[in-house]
Amino acid sequence: MKRLQSIQDVSSYRVDDGRLLYSANHDEILAGLTTDVYFVKTKQILETYGYGDAQVTAEIFARRDGIIAGVQEALNLLKGLDVQVEALPEGSPFRAKDVVMRIRGRYTDFGIYETAMLGILAHSSAWATAAHEVKQVTGDKPFFCFGARHVHPAVAPVMERAAIIGGASGASCILGAKLVGLEPSGTVPHALFLVVGDTVKAAVMYDEIMPPDSPRTILVDTFKDEVEESLRVGEALGTRLEAIRIDTPGERGGVTAALVRELRAKLDLAGYQHVKIFASGGLDLEKIKLLSQAGVDAFGVGSYISSAVPIDMTMDIKEVNGKPLAKRGRLPGVTPNEALKRVM
């Protein structure tokens, strides 16, 4: 697909009547179809009146503290262009107003991608930052991103990749995990137990059909008391049972510290000291902290990560043809940041 060059290109573009999904595909993003239209108008004006070769230095800065993610995806938009780029390494911390990326080159070459680059960095960094906050609470205990169901499927892999950069041990979204070289994490939902009709029967079926490297973590809150179901599953699977997962709904009070302590104590008394406790279901930082203290060994975290507010990113031109220049309110010239690394 040809990259947009003028407002005439925008006017002539037509959306396919048979389009099934509204998310932009890779070709559409690279063509500039997700940009704000005024960048296309700017490109056309500059090239028409002889400013197309103007060399600029543009800086992207963040509006609040966070963890950077999305850098590689943003760089992929610039591949093949005659630009030089410095950026923070993914996973690095930054403070409000820090420059996270600096681009040098012809503005008419890369300006059309400002919208996409800022959006990529804003959302990815927000998700990575939320995951980092979870990591500060869980410490050495693993947690996994279960947030794919809360966002549009087109960006679910982006979110879960960012969460792993921020500190998550893995992700449930298949593509999200594969993007960082991991296998997706997860066992089975309540649906299996509801269709089969019995937790133990479904657990045995899972154990029989899943490969050895698929974790024997069994969900125990579908039908009966969580402690009762855990002991029944323990009796059926014995040492093969690695963990039980509790995802008690809010209608029944959710997963509580008291439940976890009771569960841990009765598993131990029954000889299942090896069985870990995995908790999920609407967890925030405070709840994770309390459940961890009560004895939870690992967590599935969804909405806390997926609902992270994007970290506003802004791109400013700071030099034009080597001359320090900026709009009012900004300081002309390059902003020092020794943490930036040459990446392109």
C-alpha atoms as a PDB file:
ATOM      1  CA  MET A   1       0.000   0.000   0.000  1.00  0.00           C
ATOM      2  CA  LYS A   2       1.387   3.399  -1.011  1.00  0.00           C
ATOM      3  CA  ARG A   3       2.195   5.883   1.742  1.00  0.00           C
ATOM      4  CA  LEU A   4      -0.026   8.961   1.817  1.00  0.00           C
ATOM      5  CA  GLN A   5       1.612  11.959   0.125  1.00  0.00           C
ATOM      6  CA  SER A   6      -1.151  14.532  -0.117  1.00  0.00           C
ATOM      7  CA  ILE A   7      -4.648  15.489   0.958  1.00  0.00           C
ATOM      8  CA  GLN A   8      -5.786  14.237  -2.435  1.00  0.00           C
ATOM      9  CA  ASP A   9      -4.571  10.763  -1.469  1.00  0.00           C
ATOM     10  CA  VAL A  10      -6.636  11.003   1.704  1.00  0.00           C
ATOM     11  CA  SER A  11      -9.748  12.092  -0.195  1.00  0.00           C
ATOM     12  CA  SER A  12      -9.446   9.312  -2.738  1.00  0.00           C
ATOM     13  CA  TYR A  13      -8.960   6.539  -0.161  1.00  0.00           C
ATOM     14  CA  ARG A  14     -11.994   4.275   0.249  1.00  0.00           C
ATOM     15  CA  VAL A  15     -12.684   1.713   2.958  1.00  0.00           C
ATOM     16  CA  ASP A  16     -13.511  -1.734   1.633  1.00  0.00           C
ATOM     17  CA  ASP A  17     -17.239  -2.431   2.066  1.00  0.00           C
ATOM     18  CA  GLY A  18     -16.427  -6.003   3.054  1.00  0.00           C
ATOM     19  CA  ARG A  19     -14.072  -5.068   5.897  1.00  0.00           C
ATOM     20  CA  LEU A  20     -14.627  -7.389   8.865  1.00  0.00           C
ATOM     21  CA  LEU A  21     -12.527  -5.703  11.566  1.00  0.00           C
ATOM     22  CA  TYR A  22     -12.051  -2.017  12.208  1.00  0.00           C
ATOM     23  CA  SER A  23      -8.482  -2.213  13.536  1.00  0.00           C
ATOM     24  CA  ALA A  24      -5.740  -0.979  11.234  1.00  0.00           C
ATOM     25  CA  ASN A  25      -3.480  -3.604   9.704  1.00  0.00           C
ATOM     26  CA  HIS A  26       0.275  -3.215   9.325  1.00  0.00           C
ATOM     27  CA  ASP A  27       0.116  -1.888   5.775  1.00  0.00           C
ATOM     28  CA  GLU A  28      -2.463   0.736   6.715  1.00  0.00           C
ATOM     29  CA  ILE A  29      -0.364   1.989   9.633  1.00  0.00           C
ATOM     30  CA  LEU A  30       2.774   2.164   7.473  1.00  0.00           C
ATOM     31  CA  ALA A  31       0.818   3.994   4.776  1.00  0.00           C
ATOM     32  CA  GLY A  32      -0.108   6.675   7.294  1.00  0.00           C
ATOM     33  CA  LEU A  33      -3.828   5.931   7.478  1.00  0.00           C
ATOM     34  CA  THR A  34      -3.823   6.103  11.285  1.00  0.00           C
ATOM     35  CA  THR A  35      -2.121   9.495  11.454  1.00  0.00           C
ATOM     36  CA  ASP A  36      -3.824  12.797  12.232  1.00  0.00           C
ATOM     37  CA  VAL A  37      -4.655  14.265   8.847  1.00  0.00           C
ATOM     38  CA  TYR A  38      -2.841  17.542   9.478  1.00  0.00           C
ATOM     39  CA  PHE A  39       0.516  15.765   9.229  1.00  0.00           C
ATOM     40  CA  VAL A  40      -0.314  14.796   5.635  1.00  0.00           C
ATOM     41  CA  LYS A  41      -1.298  18.383   4.852  1.00  0.00           C
ATOM     42  CA  THR A  42       1.962  19.616   6.395  1.00  0.00           C
ATOM     43  CA  LYS A  43       4.033  17.189   4.331  1.00  0.00           C
ATOM     44  CA  GLN A  44       2.318  18.316   1.125  1.00  0.00           C
ATOM     45  CA  ILE A  45       2.802  22.025   1.868  1.00  0.00           C
ATOM     46  CA  LEU A  46       6.486  21.665   2.813  1.00  0.00           C
ATOM     47  CA  GLU A  47       7.298  19.625  -0.285  1.00  0.00           C
ATOM     48  CA  THR A  48       5.311  21.903  -2.605  1.00  0.00           C
ATOM     49  CA  TYR A  49       7.068  25.078  -1.448  1.00  0.00           C
ATOM     50  CA  GLY A  50      10.641  23.808  -1.271  1.00  0.00           C
ATOM     51  CA  TYR A  51      10.958  22.890   2.399  1.00  0.00           C
ATOM     52  CA  GLY A  52      10.885  19.151   1.879  1.00  0.00           C
ATOM     53  CA  ASP A  53      14.596  18.723   2.575  1.00  0.00           C
ATOM     54  CA  ALA A  54      14.580  20.602   5.889  1.00  0.00           C
ATOM     55  CA  GLN A  55      16.531  18.644   8.504  1.00  0.00           C
ATOM     56  CA  VAL A  56      15.065  18.653  11.987  1.00  0.00           C
ATOM     57  CA  THR A  57      15.767  17.245  15.418  1.00  0.00           C
ATOM     58  CA  ALA A  58      12.566  16.071  17.082  1.00  0.00           C
ATOM     59  CA  GLU A  59      12.280  14.897  20.686  1.00  0.00           C
ATOM     60  CA  ILE A  60       9.570  12.789  22.299  1.00  0.00           C
ATOM     61  CA  PHE A  61       9.070  13.366  26.013  1.00  0.00           C
ATOM     62  CA  ALA A  62       6.744  11.855  28.619  1.00  0.00           C
ATOM     63  CA  ARG A  63       4.244  13.751  30.739  1.00  0.00           C
ATOM     64  CA  ARG A  64       4.674  11.589  33.865  1.00  0.00           C
ATOM     65  CA  ASP A  65       6.990   8.971  35.361  1.00  0.00           C
ATOM     66  CA  GLY A  66       6.964   5.438  34.032  1.00  0.00           C
ATOM     67  CA  ILE A  67       8.663   2.477  32.393  1.00  0.00           C
ATOM     68  CA  ILE A  68       9.360   2.745  28.670  1.00  0.00           C
ATOM     69  CA  ALA A  69       7.955   0.158  26.275  1.00  0.00           C
ATOM     70  CA  GLY A  70       6.976   0.164  22.619  1.00  0.00           C
ATOM     71  CA  VAL A  71      10.352   1.503  21.469  1.00  0.00           C
ATOM     72  CA  GLN A  72      11.048  -1.321  19.028  1.00  0.00           C
ATOM     73  CA  GLU A  73       7.594  -1.110  17.501  1.00  0.00           C
ATOM     74  CA  ALA A  74       7.968   2.654  17.063  1.00  0.00           C
ATOM     75  CA  LEU A  75      11.380   2.114  15.458  1.00  0.00           C
ATOM     76  CA  ASN A  76       9.877  -0.379  13.037  1.00  0.00           C
ATOM     77  CA  LEU A  77       7.792   2.454  11.573  1.00  0.00           C
ATOM     78  CA  LEU A  78      11.003   4.294  10.695  1.00  0.00           C
ATOM     79  CA  LYS A  79      12.837   1.391   9.038  1.00  0.00           C
ATOM     80  CA  GLY A  80      14.177   2.292   5.630  1.00  0.00           C
ATOM     81  CA  LEU A  81      14.055   6.027   6.276  1.00  0.00           C
ATOM     82  CA  ASP A  82      17.173   8.199   6.325  1.00  0.00           C
ATOM     83  CA  VAL A  83      16.931   9.066  10.014  1.00  0.00           C
ATOM     84  CA  GLN A  84      19.064   8.786  13.127  1.00  0.00           C
ATOM     85  CA  VAL A  85      17.327   7.748  16.316  1.00  0.00           C
ATOM     86  CA  GLU A  86      18.299   7.687  19.982  1.00  0.00           C
ATOM     87  CA  ALA A  87      15.973   6.105  22.540  1.00  0.00           C
ATOM     88  CA  LEU A  88      15.757   4.694  26.021  1.00  0.00           C
ATOM     89  CA  PRO A  89      16.171   0.901  26.137  1.00  0.00           C
ATOM     90  CA  GLU A  90      12.841  -0.849  26.643  1.00  0.00           C
ATOM     91  CA  GLY A  91      12.140  -1.481  30.304  1.00  0.00           C
ATOM     92  CA  SER A  92      14.061   1.610  31.425  1.00  0.00           C
ATOM     93  CA  PRO A  93      12.524   4.005  33.954  1.00  0.00           C
ATOM     94  CA  PHE A  94      11.907   7.634  33.034  1.00  0.00           C
ATOM     95  CA  ARG A  95      10.707  10.735  34.844  1.00  0.00           C
ATOM     96  CA  ALA A  96       8.149  13.306  33.763  1.00  0.00           C
ATOM     97  CA  LYS A  97       9.542  15.561  30.999  1.00  0.00           C
ATOM     98  CA  ASP A  98      12.407  13.167  30.232  1.00  0.00           C
ATOM     99  CA  VAL A  99      13.190  12.742  26.535  1.00  0.00           C
ATOM    100  CA  VAL A 100      12.520   9.090  25.688  1.00  0.00           C
ATOM    101  CA  MET A 101      13.330   9.271  21.958  1.00  0.00           C
ATOM    102  CA  ARG A 102      15.171  11.682  19.678  1.00  0.00           C
ATOM    103  CA  ILE A 103      14.886  11.615  15.860  1.00  0.00           C
ATOM    104  CA  ARG A 104      17.064  13.452  13.361  1.00  0.00           C
ATOM    105  CA  GLY A 105      16.255  13.616   9.664  1.00  0.00           C
ATOM    106  CA  ARG A 106      13.997  15.203   7.070  1.00  0.00           C
ATOM    107  CA  TYR A 107      10.719  16.085   8.735  1.00  0.00           C
ATOM    108  CA  THR A 108       8.826  15.175   5.578  1.00  0.00           C
ATOM    109  CA  ASP A 109      10.186  11.624   5.850  1.00  0.00           C
ATOM    110  CA  PHE A 110       9.019  10.809   9.376  1.00  0.00           C
ATOM    111  CA  GLY A 111       6.528  13.473  10.481  1.00  0.00           C
ATOM    112  CA  ILE A 112       3.594  11.468   9.160  1.00  0.00           C
ATOM    113  CA  TYR A 113       4.313   8.788  11.798  1.00  0.00           C
ATOM    114  CA  GLU A 114       4.120  11.099  14.831  1.00  0.00           C
ATOM    115  CA  THR A 115       0.583  10.011  15.753  1.00  0.00           C
ATOM    116  CA  ALA A 116       1.382   6.311  15.553  1.00  0.00           C
ATOM    117  CA  MET A 117       4.684   6.580  17.412  1.00  0.00           C
ATOM    118  CA  LEU A 118       3.173   8.584  20.258  1.00  0.00           C
ATOM    119  CA  GLY A 119       0.250   6.182  20.550  1.00  0.00           C
ATOM    120  CA  ILE A 120       2.524   3.153  20.606  1.00  0.00           C
ATOM    121  CA  LEU A 121       4.746   4.625  23.307  1.00  0.00           C
ATOM    122  CA  ALA A 122       1.865   6.052  25.356  1.00  0.00           C
ATOM    123  CA  HIS A 123      -0.060   2.806  25.701  1.00  0.00           C
ATOM    124  CA  SER A 124       2.858   0.392  25.839  1.00  0.00           C
ATOM    125  CA  SER A 125       4.624   2.431  28.505  1.00  0.00           C
ATOM    126  CA  ALA A 126       1.449   2.668  30.570  1.00  0.00           C
ATOM    127  CA  TRP A 127       0.957  -1.105  30.520  1.00  0.00           C
ATOM    128  CA  ALA A 128       4.630  -1.705  31.308  1.00  0.00           C
ATOM    129  CA  THR A 129       4.429   0.784  34.168  1.00  0.00           C
ATOM    130  CA  ALA A 130       1.371  -0.920  35.663  1.00  0.00           C
ATOM    131  CA  ALA A 131       3.124  -4.284  35.451  1.00  0.00           C
ATOM    132  CA  HIS A 132       6.191  -2.772  37.103  1.00  0.00           C
ATOM    133  CA  GLU A 133       3.992  -1.565  39.967  1.00  0.00           C
ATOM    134  CA  VAL A 134       2.631  -5.081  40.387  1.00  0.00           C
ATOM    135  CA  LYS A 135       6.169  -6.453  40.379  1.00  0.00           C
ATOM    136  CA  GLN A 136       7.128  -4.133  43.229  1.00  0.00           C
ATOM    137  CA  VAL A 137       4.370  -5.732  45.324  1.00  0.00           C
ATOM    138  CA  THR A 138       4.831  -9.381  44.308  1.00  0.00           C
ATOM    139  CA  GLY A 139       8.625  -9.322  44.683  1.00  0.00           C
ATOM    140  CA  ASP A 140      10.043 -12.750  43.890  1.00  0.00           C
ATOM    141  CA  LYS A 141       6.597 -14.275  43.384  1.00  0.00           C
ATOM    142  CA  PRO A 142       5.565 -14.617  39.737  1.00  0.00           C
ATOM    143  CA  PHE A 143       2.577 -12.920  38.182  1.00  0.00           C
ATOM    144  CA  PHE A 144       1.053 -13.325  34.747  1.00  0.00           C
ATOM    145  CA  CYS A 145      -0.826 -10.860  32.589  1.00  0.00           C
ATOM    146  CA  PHE A 146      -4.429 -11.956  32.054  1.00  0.00           C
ATOM    147  CA  GLY A 147      -5.635  -8.698  30.526  1.00  0.00           C
ATOM    148  CA  ALA A 148      -6.252  -9.616  26.885  1.00  0.00           C
ATOM    149  CA  ARG A 149     -10.013  -9.870  27.376  1.00  0.00           C
ATOM    150  CA  HIS A 150     -10.199  -6.250  28.512  1.00  0.00           C
ATOM    151  CA  VAL A 151      -8.813  -4.647  25.342  1.00  0.00           C
ATOM    152  CA  HIS A 152      -9.399  -4.793  21.594  1.00  0.00           C
ATOM    153  CA  PRO A 153      -7.887  -7.996  20.176  1.00  0.00           C
ATOM    154  CA  ALA A 154      -5.747  -5.986  17.771  1.00  0.00           C
ATOM    155  CA  VAL A 155      -3.776  -4.521  20.681  1.00  0.00           C
ATOM    156  CA  ALA A 156      -3.974  -7.405  23.174  1.00  0.00           C
ATOM    157  CA  PRO A 157      -0.558  -8.787  22.111  1.00  0.00           C
ATOM    158  CA  VAL A 158       0.951  -5.295  22.376  1.00  0.00           C
ATOM    159  CA  MET A 159      -0.374  -4.957  25.916  1.00  0.00           C
ATOM    160  CA  GLU A 160       0.819  -8.344  27.096  1.00  0.00           C
ATOM    161  CA  ARG A 161       4.258  -7.855  25.537  1.00  0.00           C
ATOM    162  CA  ALA A 162       4.506  -4.522  27.362  1.00  0.00           C
ATOM    163  CA  ALA A 163       3.443  -6.177  30.625  1.00  0.00           C
ATOM    164  CA  ILE A 164       6.272  -8.695  30.304  1.00  0.00           C
ATOM    165  CA  ILE A 165       8.724  -5.864  29.667  1.00  0.00           C
ATOM    166  CA  GLY A 166       7.396  -4.257  32.847  1.00  0.00           C
ATOM    167  CA  GLY A 167       7.979  -7.355  34.953  1.00  0.00           C
ATOM    168  CA  ALA A 168       5.250  -9.919  34.298  1.00  0.00           C
ATOM    169  CA  SER A 169       6.504 -13.511  34.250  1.00  0.00           C
ATOM    170  CA  GLY A 170       4.325 -14.379  31.292  1.00  0.00           C
ATOM    171  CA  ALA A 171       1.032 -13.763  29.531  1.00  0.00           C
ATOM    172  CA  SER A 172      -2.084 -15.670  28.615  1.00  0.00           C
ATOM    173  CA  CYS A 173      -2.446 -14.155  25.128  1.00  0.00           C
ATOM    174  CA  ILE A 174      -0.796 -16.514  22.669  1.00  0.00           C
ATOM    175  CA  LEU A 175       0.662 -13.888  20.339  1.00  0.00           C
ATOM    176  CA  GLY A 176       1.654 -11.598  23.224  1.00  0.00           C
ATOM    177  CA  ALA A 177       3.788 -14.311  24.779  1.00  0.00           C
ATOM    178  CA  LYS A 178       5.209 -15.509  21.467  1.00  0.00           C
ATOM    179  CA  LEU A 179       6.376 -11.986  20.605  1.00  0.00           C
ATOM    180  CA  VAL A 180       8.890 -12.146  23.465  1.00  0.00           C
ATOM    181  CA  GLY A 181       9.876 -15.779  22.933  1.00  0.00           C
ATOM    182  CA  LEU A 182       7.692 -17.292  25.665  1.00  0.00           C
ATOM    183  CA  GLU A 183       4.945 -19.881  25.638  1.00  0.00           C
ATOM    184  CA  PRO A 184       1.522 -18.567  26.731  1.00  0.00           C
ATOM    185  CA  SER A 185       0.478 -19.225  30.338  1.00  0.00           C
ATOM    186  CA  GLY A 186      -2.845 -20.636  31.463  1.00  0.00           C
ATOM    187  CA  THR A 187      -4.735 -23.861  32.036  1.00  0.00           C
ATOM    188  CA  VAL A 188      -8.544 -23.942  31.586  1.00  0.00           C
ATOM    189  CA  PRO A 189     -11.495 -21.634  32.375  1.00  0.00           C
ATOM    190  CA  HIS A 190     -14.633 -22.285  34.417  1.00  0.00           C
ATOM    191  CA  ALA A 191     -16.313 -23.309  31.159  1.00  0.00           C
ATOM    192  CA  LEU A 192     -14.593 -26.713  31.183  1.00  0.00           C
ATOM    193  CA  PHE A 193     -15.814 -27.539  34.675  1.00  0.00           C
ATOM    194  CA  LEU A 194     -19.336 -26.307  33.967  1.00  0.00           C
ATOM    195  CA  VAL A 195     -19.637 -28.419  30.828  1.00  0.00           C
ATOM    196  CA  VAL A 196     -18.110 -31.529  32.450  1.00  0.00           C
ATOM    197  CA  GLY A 197     -20.123 -31.021  35.627  1.00  0.00           C
ATOM    198  CA  ASP A 198     -17.491 -31.926  38.230  1.00  0.00           C
ATOM    199  CA  THR A 199     -14.181 -30.343  39.198  1.00  0.00           C
ATOM    200  CA  VAL A 200     -12.328 -33.571  39.913  1.00  0.00           C
ATOM    201  CA  LYS A 201     -13.496 -35.268  36.732  1.00  0.00           C
ATOM    202  CA  ALA A 202     -12.399 -32.271  34.660  1.00  0.00           C
ATOM    203  CA  ALA A 203      -9.054 -32.141  36.500  1.00  0.00           C
ATOM    204  CA  VAL A 204      -8.382 -35.809  35.706  1.00  0.00           C
ATOM    205  CA  MET A 205      -9.289 -35.219  32.062  1.00  0.00           C
ATOM    206  CA  TYR A 206      -6.877 -32.283  31.910  1.00  0.00           C
ATOM    207  CA  ASP A 207      -4.125 -34.371  33.498  1.00  0.00           C
ATOM    208  CA  GLU A 208      -4.671 -37.191  31.036  1.00  0.00           C
ATOM    209  CA  ILE A 209      -4.687 -35.166  27.824  1.00  0.00           C
ATOM    210  CA  MET A 210      -2.315 -32.238  28.408  1.00  0.00           C
ATOM    211  CA  PRO A 211       1.433 -32.661  27.728  1.00  0.00           C
ATOM    212  CA  PRO A 212       3.783 -33.026  30.725  1.00  0.00           C
ATOM    213  CA  ASP A 213       5.026 -29.432  30.470  1.00  0.00           C
ATOM    214  CA  SER A 214       1.503 -28.020  30.782  1.00  0.00           C
ATOM    215  CA  PRO A 215       1.130 -26.996  34.444  1.00  0.00           C
ATOM    216  CA  ARG A 216      -1.266 -29.000  36.607  1.00  0.00           C
ATOM    217  CA  THR A 217      -2.924 -25.912  38.079  1.00  0.00           C
ATOM    218  CA  ILE A 218      -6.587 -26.591  38.740  1.00  0.00           C
ATOM    219  CA  LEU A 219      -9.354 -24.019  39.214  1.00  0.00           C
ATOM    220  CA  VAL A 220     -11.316 -24.938  42.355  1.00  0.00           C
ATOM    221  CA  ASP A 221     -14.080 -22.357  42.865  1.00  0.00           C
ATOM    222  CA  THR A 222     -16.668 -23.491  40.301  1.00  0.00           C
ATOM    223  CA  PHE A 223     -19.036 -25.733  42.264  1.00  0.00           C
ATOM    224  CA  LYS A 224     -18.095 -26.311  45.888  1.00  0.00           C
ATOM    225  CA  ASP A 225     -16.154 -24.726  48.731  1.00  0.00           C
ATOM    226  CA  GLU A 226     -12.640 -23.955  47.543  1.00  0.00           C
ATOM    227  CA  VAL A 227     -10.981 -25.922  50.346  1.00  0.00           C
ATOM    228  CA  GLU A 228     -13.182 -28.949  49.777  1.00  0.00           C
ATOM    229  CA  GLU A 229     -12.531 -28.944  46.041  1.00  0.00           C
ATOM    230  CA  SER A 230      -8.791 -28.494  46.551  1.00  0.00           C
ATOM    231  CA  LEU A 231      -8.597 -31.549  48.790  1.00  0.00           C
ATOM    232  CA  ARG A 232     -10.679 -33.606  46.349  1.00  0.00           C
ATOM    233  CA  VAL A 233      -8.404 -32.643  43.449  1.00  0.00           C
ATOM    234  CA  GLY A 234      -5.335 -33.335  45.586  1.00  0.00           C
ATOM    235  CA  GLU A 235      -6.589 -36.812  46.337  1.00  0.00           C
ATOM    236  CA  ALA A 236      -7.214 -37.474  42.632  1.00  0.00           C
ATOM    237  CA  LEU A 237      -3.928 -36.118  41.233  1.00  0.00           C
ATOM    238  CA  GLY A 238      -1.583 -36.607  44.184  1.00  0.00           C
ATOM    239  CA  THR A 239       1.937 -35.368  43.561  1.00  0.00           C
ATOM    240  CA  ARG A 240       1.042 -34.417  39.978  1.00  0.00           C
ATOM    241  CA  LEU A 241      -1.050 -31.529  41.276  1.00  0.00           C
ATOM    242  CA  GLU A 242       1.219 -28.470  41.141  1.00  0.00           C
ATOM    243  CA  ALA A 243      -1.149 -25.701  42.163  1.00  0.00           C
ATOM    244  CA  ILE A 244      -4.750 -24.753  42.723  1.00  0.00           C
ATOM    245  CA  ARG A 245      -6.198 -21.546  41.348  1.00  0.00           C
ATOM    246  CA  ILE A 246      -8.789 -19.478  43.196  1.00  0.00           C
ATOM    247  CA  ASP A 247     -10.812 -16.927  41.262  1.00  0.00           C
ATOM    248  CA  THR A 248     -13.778 -16.538  43.596  1.00  0.00           C
ATOM    249  CA  PRO A 249     -16.217 -13.960  42.131  1.00  0.00           C
ATOM    250  CA  GLY A 250     -17.080 -10.706  43.835  1.00  0.00           C
ATOM    251  CA  GLU A 251     -20.642 -11.967  44.357  1.00  0.00           C
ATOM    252  CA  ARG A 252     -19.179 -14.351  46.941  1.00  0.00           C
ATOM    253  CA  GLY A 253     -16.711 -11.892  48.407  1.00  0.00           C
ATOM    254  CA  GLY A 254     -13.847 -12.527  46.005  1.00  0.00           C
ATOM    255  CA  VAL A 255     -10.536 -14.055  46.981  1.00  0.00           C
ATOM    256  CA  THR A 256      -9.761 -13.055  50.569  1.00  0.00           C
ATOM    257  CA  ALA A 257      -6.736 -13.359  52.824  1.00  0.00           C
ATOM    258  CA  ALA A 258      -8.794 -15.438  55.272  1.00  0.00           C
ATOM    259  CA  LEU A 259      -9.677 -17.921  52.525  1.00  0.00           C
ATOM    260  CA  VAL A 260      -6.043 -18.192  51.488  1.00  0.00           C
ATOM    261  CA  ARG A 261      -4.855 -18.830  55.035  1.00  0.00           C
ATOM    262  CA  GLU A 262      -7.487 -21.524  55.547  1.00  0.00           C
ATOM    263  CA  LEU A 263      -6.670 -23.115  52.225  1.00  0.00           C
ATOM    264  CA  ARG A 264      -2.926 -23.167  52.936  1.00  0.00           C
ATOM    265  CA  ALA A 265      -3.395 -24.631  56.389  1.00  0.00           C
ATOM    266  CA  LYS A 266      -5.725 -27.434  55.278  1.00  0.00           C
ATOM    267  CA  LEU A 267      -3.641 -28.323  52.239  1.00  0.00           C
ATOM    268  CA  ASP A 268      -0.613 -28.645  54.527  1.00  0.00           C
ATOM    269  CA  LEU A 269      -2.503 -30.740  57.062  1.00  0.00           C
ATOM    270  CA  ALA A 270      -3.619 -33.103  54.298  1.00  0.00           C
ATOM    271  CA  GLY A 271      -0.033 -33.584  53.104  1.00  0.00           C
ATOM    272  CA  TYR A 272      -0.172 -31.271  50.109  1.00  0.00           C
ATOM    273  CA  GLN A 273       2.605 -28.913  51.146  1.00  0.00           C
ATOM    274  CA  HIS A 274       3.935 -29.010  47.566  1.00  0.00           C
ATOM    275  CA  VAL A 275       0.742 -27.539  46.118  1.00  0.00           C
ATOM    276  CA  LYS A 276       0.989 -23.823  45.367  1.00  0.00           C
ATOM    277  CA  ILE A 277      -1.849 -21.308  45.549  1.00  0.00           C
ATOM    278  CA  PHE A 278      -2.522 -19.179  42.466  1.00  0.00           C
ATOM    279  CA  ALA A 279      -4.936 -16.246  42.804  1.00  0.00           C
ATOM    280  CA  SER A 280      -6.690 -14.158  40.159  1.00  0.00           C
ATOM    281  CA  GLY A 281      -9.794 -12.043  39.711  1.00  0.00           C
ATOM    282  CA  GLY A 282      -9.910  -8.241  39.901  1.00  0.00           C
ATOM    283  CA  LEU A 283      -6.645  -7.884  41.796  1.00  0.00           C
ATOM    284  CA  ASP A 284      -5.157  -4.482  42.560  1.00  0.00           C
ATOM    285  CA  LEU A 285      -1.928  -3.603  44.367  1.00  0.00           C
ATOM    286  CA  GLU A 286      -3.389  -3.560  47.862  1.00  0.00           C
ATOM    287  CA  LYS A 287      -5.194  -6.868  47.405  1.00  0.00           C
ATOM    288  CA  ILE A 288      -2.117  -8.494  45.909  1.00  0.00           C
ATOM    289  CA  LYS A 289      -0.078  -7.359  48.899  1.00  0.00           C
ATOM    290  CA  LEU A 290      -2.586  -8.792  51.396  1.00  0.00           C
ATOM    291  CA  LEU A 291      -2.976 -12.076  49.529  1.00  0.00           C
ATOM    292  CA  SER A 292       0.777 -12.470  49.193  1.00  0.00           C
ATOM    293  CA  GLN A 293       1.187 -12.050  52.942  1.00  0.00           C
ATOM    294  CA  ALA A 294      -1.564 -14.619  53.481  1.00  0.00           C
ATOM    295  CA  GLY A 295       0.229 -17.250  51.411  1.00  0.00           C
ATOM    296  CA  VAL A 296      -0.577 -16.853  47.708  1.00  0.00           C
ATOM    297  CA  ASP A 297       2.370 -18.049  45.611  1.00  0.00           C
ATOM    298  CA  ALA A 298       1.519 -16.563  42.194  1.00  0.00           C
ATOM    299  CA  PHE A 299      -0.964 -14.197  40.616  1.00  0.00           C
ATOM    300  CA  GLY A 300      -2.956 -13.603  37.470  1.00  0.00           C
ATOM    301  CA  VAL A 301      -3.445  -9.870  36.956  1.00  0.00           C
ATOM    302  CA  GLY A 302      -5.719  -8.489  34.257  1.00  0.00           C
ATOM    303  CA  SER A 303      -7.667  -5.277  34.659  1.00  0.00           C
ATOM    304  CA  TYR A 304      -5.054  -3.484  36.772  1.00  0.00           C
ATOM    305  CA  ILE A 305      -2.668  -3.680  33.823  1.00  0.00           C
ATOM    306  CA  SER A 306      -5.135  -3.392  30.946  1.00  0.00           C
ATOM    307  CA  SER A 307      -6.870  -0.324  32.397  1.00  0.00           C
ATOM    308  CA  ALA A 308      -3.658   1.666  32.890  1.00  0.00           C
ATOM    309  CA  VAL A 309      -4.100   5.266  31.764  1.00  0.00           C
ATOM    310  CA  PRO A 310      -1.888   6.045  28.739  1.00  0.00           C
ATOM    311  CA  ILE A 311       1.189   8.096  29.541  1.00  0.00           C
ATOM    312  CA  ASP A 312       0.890  11.177  27.369  1.00  0.00           C
ATOM    313  CA  MET A 313       3.823  11.539  24.988  1.00  0.00           C
ATOM    314  CA  THR A 314       4.630  14.719  23.062  1.00  0.00           C
ATOM    315  CA  MET A 315       6.934  15.235  20.093  1.00  0.00           C
ATOM    316  CA  ASP A 316       8.580  18.655  19.683  1.00  0.00           C
ATOM    317  CA  ILE A 317      10.888  19.959  16.990  1.00  0.00           C
ATOM    318  CA  LYS A 318      13.960  21.363  18.775  1.00  0.00           C
ATOM    319  CA  GLU A 319      16.278  22.121  15.827  1.00  0.00           C
ATOM    320  CA  VAL A 320      15.689  23.078  12.188  1.00  0.00           C
ATOM    321  CA  ASN A 321      18.650  22.799   9.815  1.00  0.00           C
ATOM    322  CA  GLY A 322      20.995  22.804  12.805  1.00  0.00           C
ATOM    323  CA  LYS A 323      19.500  25.919  14.389  1.00  0.00           C
ATOM    324  CA  PRO A 324      18.006  25.580  17.909  1.00  0.00           C
ATOM    325  CA  LEU A 325      14.309  26.331  17.612  1.00  0.00           C
ATOM    326  CA  ALA A 326      11.132  25.519  19.543  1.00  0.00           C
ATOM    327  CA  LYS A 327       7.599  26.727  20.016  1.00  0.00           C
ATOM    328  CA  ARG A 328       6.868  29.111  22.872  1.00  0.00           C
ATOM    329  CA  GLY A 329       7.015  27.429  26.263  1.00  0.00           C
ATOM    330  CA  ARG A 330       9.665  24.931  25.167  1.00  0.00           C
ATOM    331  CA  LEU A 331      13.442  25.426  25.335  1.00  0.00           C
ATOM    332  CA  PRO A 332      15.137  25.493  21.902  1.00  0.00           C
ATOM    333  CA  GLY A 333      17.895  22.974  21.229  1.00  0.00           C
ATOM    334  CA  VAL A 334      18.617  19.404  22.214  1.00  0.00           C
ATOM    335  CA  THR A 335      17.524  18.357  25.714  1.00  0.00           C
ATOM    336  CA  PRO A 336      20.303  16.409  27.496  1.00  0.00           C
ATOM    337  CA  ASN A 337      19.555  12.819  28.492  1.00  0.00           C
ATOM    338  CA  GLU A 338      22.566  10.569  28.893  1.00  0.00           C
ATOM    339  CA  ALA A 339      20.348   7.495  29.168  1.00  0.00           C
ATOM    340  CA  LEU A 340      19.457   7.675  25.465  1.00  0.00           C
ATOM    341  CA  LYS A 341      21.179   5.094  23.240  1.00  0.00           C
ATOM    342  CA  ARG A 342      21.739   5.238  19.496  1.00  0.00           C
ATOM    343  CA  VAL A 343      19.332   2.670  18.030  1.00  0.00           C
ATOM    344  CA  MET A 344      19.100   3.647  14.370  1.00  0.00           C
END
